[in-house]
Amino acid sequence: MIHTASLDEEARSAWCRENGVYLAELDRWRAQASESLADPSPASGSSKAERQSRQEIRKLQRDLARKDKALAETAALLVLSKKLEAIFHESGDE
């Protein structure tokens, strides 16, 4: 959009043909960008929501890491107990 802003109608049409974009899409994108820049009020609310989302994501990542460590520890203990059982089971048969 930035590249096409300085172009005249003919050059913009040529650019659209080269890049596989319809002129109507380009106009719609320009309108959406203008609306987004003109109305800053939703951005302040979304930043609070984004901040809460990031906090929730960090909390979930910490929880997942904790559970992953616990699972790894449990798996290691299980492997060690199986090895210990195999060692003492063999020595008991001899």
N, C-alpha and C. Protein backbone atom coordinates (compact mmCIF):
# COMPACT_ATOMS: atom_id res chain seq x y z
N MET A 1 0.81 -1.19 0.00
CA MET A 1 0.00 0.00 0.00
C MET A 1 0.86 1.25 0.00
N ILE A 2 1.92 1.24 0.75
CA ILE A 2 2.79 2.41 0.81
C ILE A 2 3.41 2.68 -0.55
N HIS A 3 3.80 1.62 -1.22
CA HIS A 3 4.41 1.77 -2.54
C HIS A 3 3.43 2.37 -3.54
N THR A 4 2.18 1.98 -3.45
CA THR A 4 1.19 2.43 -4.44
C THR A 4 0.60 3.79 -4.11
N ALA A 5 0.86 4.32 -2.92
CA ALA A 5 0.25 5.60 -2.53
C ALA A 5 0.71 6.75 -3.41
N SER A 6 1.93 6.70 -3.86
CA SER A 6 2.45 7.81 -4.67
C SER A 6 2.21 7.61 -6.16
N LEU A 7 1.64 6.49 -6.55
CA LEU A 7 1.42 6.20 -7.97
C LEU A 7 0.11 6.79 -8.46
N ASP A 8 0.08 7.13 -9.77
CA ASP A 8 -1.17 7.57 -10.36
C ASP A 8 -2.03 6.35 -10.68
N GLU A 9 -3.24 6.55 -11.17
CA GLU A 9 -4.21 5.47 -11.39
C GLU A 9 -3.66 4.42 -12.36
N GLU A 10 -3.04 4.86 -13.44
CA GLU A 10 -2.52 3.92 -14.45
C GLU A 10 -1.37 3.09 -13.89
N ALA A 11 -0.45 3.73 -13.20
CA ALA A 11 0.68 3.02 -12.62
C ALA A 11 0.22 2.08 -11.51
N ARG A 12 -0.78 2.49 -10.75
CA ARG A 12 -1.33 1.64 -9.70
C ARG A 12 -1.97 0.40 -10.30
N SER A 13 -2.70 0.57 -11.39
CA SER A 13 -3.31 -0.58 -12.07
C SER A 13 -2.24 -1.53 -12.59
N ALA A 14 -1.16 -0.98 -13.14
CA ALA A 14 -0.07 -1.83 -13.63
C ALA A 14 0.58 -2.59 -12.48
N TRP A 15 0.79 -1.92 -11.36
CA TRP A 15 1.38 -2.57 -10.19
C TRP A 15 0.48 -3.71 -9.70
N CYS A 16 -0.81 -3.46 -9.69
CA CYS A 16 -1.76 -4.49 -9.26
C CYS A 16 -1.70 -5.71 -10.17
N ARG A 17 -1.63 -5.48 -11.47
CA ARG A 17 -1.54 -6.61 -12.42
C ARG A 17 -0.24 -7.39 -12.20
N GLU A 18 0.86 -6.71 -11.96
CA GLU A 18 2.15 -7.37 -11.75
C GLU A 18 2.16 -8.21 -10.48
N ASN A 19 1.48 -7.73 -9.45
CA ASN A 19 1.51 -8.40 -8.15
C ASN A 19 0.29 -9.25 -7.86
N GLY A 20 -0.62 -9.36 -8.82
CA GLY A 20 -1.78 -10.22 -8.64
C GLY A 20 -2.77 -9.72 -7.60
N VAL A 21 -2.92 -8.41 -7.54
CA VAL A 21 -3.84 -7.80 -6.58
C VAL A 21 -4.90 -7.03 -7.36
N TYR A 22 -6.14 -7.17 -6.95
CA TYR A 22 -7.20 -6.40 -7.58
C TYR A 22 -7.18 -4.97 -7.05
N LEU A 23 -7.53 -4.05 -7.90
CA LEU A 23 -7.56 -2.64 -7.53
C LEU A 23 -8.57 -2.40 -6.40
N ALA A 24 -9.68 -3.12 -6.42
CA ALA A 24 -10.69 -2.99 -5.37
C ALA A 24 -10.12 -3.43 -4.01
N GLU A 25 -9.30 -4.49 -4.01
CA GLU A 25 -8.67 -4.94 -2.77
C GLU A 25 -7.74 -3.87 -2.22
N LEU A 26 -6.98 -3.27 -3.09
CA LEU A 26 -6.05 -2.22 -2.68
C LEU A 26 -6.81 -1.04 -2.07
N ASP A 27 -7.93 -0.66 -2.70
CA ASP A 27 -8.74 0.42 -2.16
C ASP A 27 -9.34 0.05 -0.79
N ARG A 28 -9.78 -1.20 -0.67
CA ARG A 28 -10.35 -1.67 0.60
C ARG A 28 -9.28 -1.66 1.70
N TRP A 29 -8.05 -2.07 1.36
CA TRP A 29 -6.97 -2.06 2.33
C TRP A 29 -6.66 -0.64 2.78
N ARG A 30 -6.67 0.29 1.82
CA ARG A 30 -6.40 1.69 2.14
C ARG A 30 -7.47 2.23 3.09
N ALA A 31 -8.74 1.87 2.82
CA ALA A 31 -9.84 2.33 3.68
C ALA A 31 -9.71 1.74 5.08
N GLN A 32 -9.37 0.47 5.17
CA GLN A 32 -9.21 -0.17 6.48
C GLN A 32 -8.05 0.45 7.26
N ALA A 33 -6.97 0.75 6.56
CA ALA A 33 -5.83 1.38 7.23
C ALA A 33 -6.20 2.77 7.73
N SER A 34 -6.95 3.50 6.94
CA SER A 34 -7.37 4.84 7.35
C SER A 34 -8.28 4.77 8.57
N GLU A 35 -9.20 3.81 8.58
CA GLU A 35 -10.10 3.64 9.73
C GLU A 35 -9.31 3.27 10.98
N SER A 36 -8.34 2.40 10.82
CA SER A 36 -7.55 1.97 11.97
C SER A 36 -6.75 3.12 12.55
N LEU A 37 -6.22 3.96 11.69
CA LEU A 37 -5.42 5.09 12.16
C LEU A 37 -6.30 6.20 12.73
N ALA A 38 -7.53 6.31 12.26
CA ALA A 38 -8.41 7.40 12.69
C ALA A 38 -9.05 7.12 14.05
N ASP A 39 -9.25 5.84 14.41
CA ASP A 39 -9.97 5.50 15.63
C ASP A 39 -9.05 4.78 16.61
N PRO A 40 -8.35 5.52 17.49
CA PRO A 40 -7.42 4.89 18.42
C PRO A 40 -8.09 4.29 19.65
N SER A 41 -9.38 4.52 19.88
CA SER A 41 -10.02 4.05 21.11
C SER A 41 -10.01 2.54 21.28
N PRO A 42 -10.26 1.71 20.24
CA PRO A 42 -10.19 0.26 20.47
C PRO A 42 -8.78 -0.22 20.79
N ALA A 43 -7.78 0.53 20.38
CA ALA A 43 -6.40 0.09 20.63
C ALA A 43 -6.09 0.09 22.12
N SER A 44 -6.61 1.07 22.86
CA SER A 44 -6.32 1.11 24.29
C SER A 44 -6.96 -0.07 25.01
N GLY A 45 -8.15 -0.44 24.63
CA GLY A 45 -8.81 -1.60 25.23
C GLY A 45 -8.14 -2.89 24.82
N SER A 46 -7.69 -2.94 23.58
CA SER A 46 -7.07 -4.17 23.12
C SER A 46 -5.71 -4.35 23.76
N SER A 47 -5.01 -3.25 24.09
CA SER A 47 -3.71 -3.41 24.73
C SER A 47 -3.87 -4.02 26.12
N LYS A 48 -4.93 -3.64 26.82
CA LYS A 48 -5.19 -4.23 28.13
C LYS A 48 -5.51 -5.72 27.97
N ALA A 49 -6.32 -6.02 26.98
CA ALA A 49 -6.66 -7.43 26.72
C ALA A 49 -5.42 -8.20 26.28
N GLU A 50 -4.59 -7.57 25.46
CA GLU A 50 -3.36 -8.23 25.02
C GLU A 50 -2.43 -8.47 26.20
N ARG A 51 -2.34 -7.50 27.11
CA ARG A 51 -1.49 -7.64 28.29
C ARG A 51 -1.98 -8.80 29.14
N GLN A 52 -3.29 -8.89 29.33
CA GLN A 52 -3.84 -10.00 30.11
C GLN A 52 -3.60 -11.33 29.41
N SER A 53 -3.71 -11.33 28.09
CA SER A 53 -3.45 -12.56 27.34
C SER A 53 -2.00 -12.99 27.48
N ARG A 54 -1.08 -12.02 27.39
CA ARG A 54 0.34 -12.35 27.54
C ARG A 54 0.63 -12.89 28.94
N GLN A 55 0.00 -12.29 29.96
CA GLN A 55 0.20 -12.79 31.32
C GLN A 55 -0.34 -14.20 31.46
N GLU A 56 -1.49 -14.46 30.88
CA GLU A 56 -2.08 -15.80 30.94
C GLU A 56 -1.20 -16.80 30.20
N ILE A 57 -0.64 -16.39 29.07
CA ILE A 57 0.24 -17.27 28.30
C ILE A 57 1.49 -17.59 29.10
N ARG A 58 2.08 -16.57 29.73
CA ARG A 58 3.28 -16.80 30.56
C ARG A 58 2.97 -17.75 31.71
N LYS A 59 1.81 -17.55 32.34
CA LYS A 59 1.42 -18.42 33.45
C LYS A 59 1.25 -19.86 32.97
N LEU A 60 0.60 -20.03 31.83
CA LEU A 60 0.41 -21.37 31.29
C LEU A 60 1.73 -22.01 30.87
N GLN A 61 2.65 -21.19 30.34
CA GLN A 61 3.95 -21.73 29.95
C GLN A 61 4.74 -22.17 31.18
N ARG A 62 4.68 -21.40 32.26
CA ARG A 62 5.36 -21.80 33.50
C ARG A 62 4.76 -23.09 34.04
N ASP A 63 3.44 -23.17 34.01
CA ASP A 63 2.76 -24.37 34.49
C ASP A 63 3.13 -25.58 33.64
N LEU A 64 3.18 -25.38 32.34
CA LEU A 64 3.55 -26.47 31.43
C LEU A 64 4.99 -26.91 31.68
N ALA A 65 5.90 -25.96 31.89
CA ALA A 65 7.29 -26.30 32.16
C ALA A 65 7.40 -27.09 33.46
N ARG A 66 6.66 -26.66 34.49
CA ARG A 66 6.67 -27.37 35.77
C ARG A 66 6.16 -28.80 35.61
N LYS A 67 5.08 -28.95 34.88
CA LYS A 67 4.52 -30.29 34.67
C LYS A 67 5.44 -31.15 33.81
N ASP A 68 6.11 -30.52 32.85
CA ASP A 68 7.05 -31.25 32.00
C ASP A 68 8.22 -31.78 32.82
N LYS A 69 8.73 -30.95 33.75
CA LYS A 69 9.81 -31.39 34.63
C LYS A 69 9.36 -32.52 35.53
N ALA A 70 8.15 -32.41 36.06
CA ALA A 70 7.61 -33.46 36.93
C ALA A 70 7.45 -34.76 36.16
N LEU A 71 6.99 -34.67 34.92
CA LEU A 71 6.83 -35.86 34.09
C LEU A 71 8.18 -36.50 33.78
N ALA A 72 9.18 -35.69 33.49
CA ALA A 72 10.52 -36.20 33.22
C ALA A 72 11.08 -36.89 34.46
N GLU A 73 10.87 -36.29 35.63
CA GLU A 73 11.35 -36.89 36.87
C GLU A 73 10.65 -38.23 37.13
N THR A 74 9.35 -38.27 36.90
CA THR A 74 8.60 -39.50 37.10
C THR A 74 9.07 -40.59 36.15
N ALA A 75 9.32 -40.21 34.90
CA ALA A 75 9.81 -41.19 33.92
C ALA A 75 11.19 -41.71 34.33
N ALA A 76 12.05 -40.83 34.82
CA ALA A 76 13.38 -41.26 35.25
C ALA A 76 13.28 -42.21 36.44
N LEU A 77 12.43 -41.89 37.39
CA LEU A 77 12.24 -42.77 38.55
C LEU A 77 11.69 -44.13 38.13
N LEU A 78 10.79 -44.14 37.19
CA LEU A 78 10.22 -45.39 36.70
C LEU A 78 11.29 -46.24 36.03
N VAL A 79 12.12 -45.62 35.21
CA VAL A 79 13.20 -46.35 34.54
C VAL A 79 14.18 -46.90 35.57
N LEU A 80 14.54 -46.07 36.54
CA LEU A 80 15.47 -46.54 37.57
C LEU A 80 14.88 -47.68 38.39
N SER A 81 13.60 -47.59 38.72
CA SER A 81 12.98 -48.67 39.50
C SER A 81 12.92 -49.96 38.69
N LYS A 82 12.68 -49.86 37.39
CA LYS A 82 12.67 -51.06 36.53
C LYS A 82 14.07 -51.67 36.46
N LYS A 83 15.09 -50.81 36.34
CA LYS A 83 16.46 -51.32 36.29
C LYS A 83 16.82 -51.98 37.62
N LEU A 84 16.46 -51.35 38.72
CA LEU A 84 16.75 -51.90 40.04
C LEU A 84 16.04 -53.25 40.22
N GLU A 85 14.81 -53.30 39.78
CA GLU A 85 14.05 -54.55 39.87
C GLU A 85 14.71 -55.63 39.02
N ALA A 86 15.17 -55.27 37.84
CA ALA A 86 15.82 -56.24 36.96
C ALA A 86 17.13 -56.73 37.57
N ILE A 87 17.90 -55.85 38.20
CA ILE A 87 19.18 -56.23 38.79
C ILE A 87 18.96 -57.19 39.96
N PHE A 88 18.05 -56.83 40.88
CA PHE A 88 17.82 -57.67 42.04
C PHE A 88 17.07 -58.95 41.69
N HIS A 89 16.29 -58.93 40.67
CA HIS A 89 15.57 -60.13 40.24
C HIS A 89 16.56 -61.14 39.68
N GLU A 90 17.55 -60.67 38.92
CA GLU A 90 18.56 -61.56 38.36
C GLU A 90 19.43 -62.16 39.46
N SER A 91 19.85 -61.35 40.42
CA SER A 91 20.73 -61.84 41.48
C SER A 91 19.99 -62.81 42.41
N GLY A 92 18.69 -62.67 42.54
CA GLY A 92 17.89 -63.57 43.38
C GLY A 92 17.75 -64.94 42.75
N ASP A 93 17.76 -65.04 41.41
CA ASP A 93 17.64 -66.33 40.70
C ASP A 93 18.92 -67.12 40.74
N GLU A 94 20.05 -66.49 40.89
CA GLU A 94 21.34 -67.18 40.81
C GLU A 94 21.68 -67.91 42.03
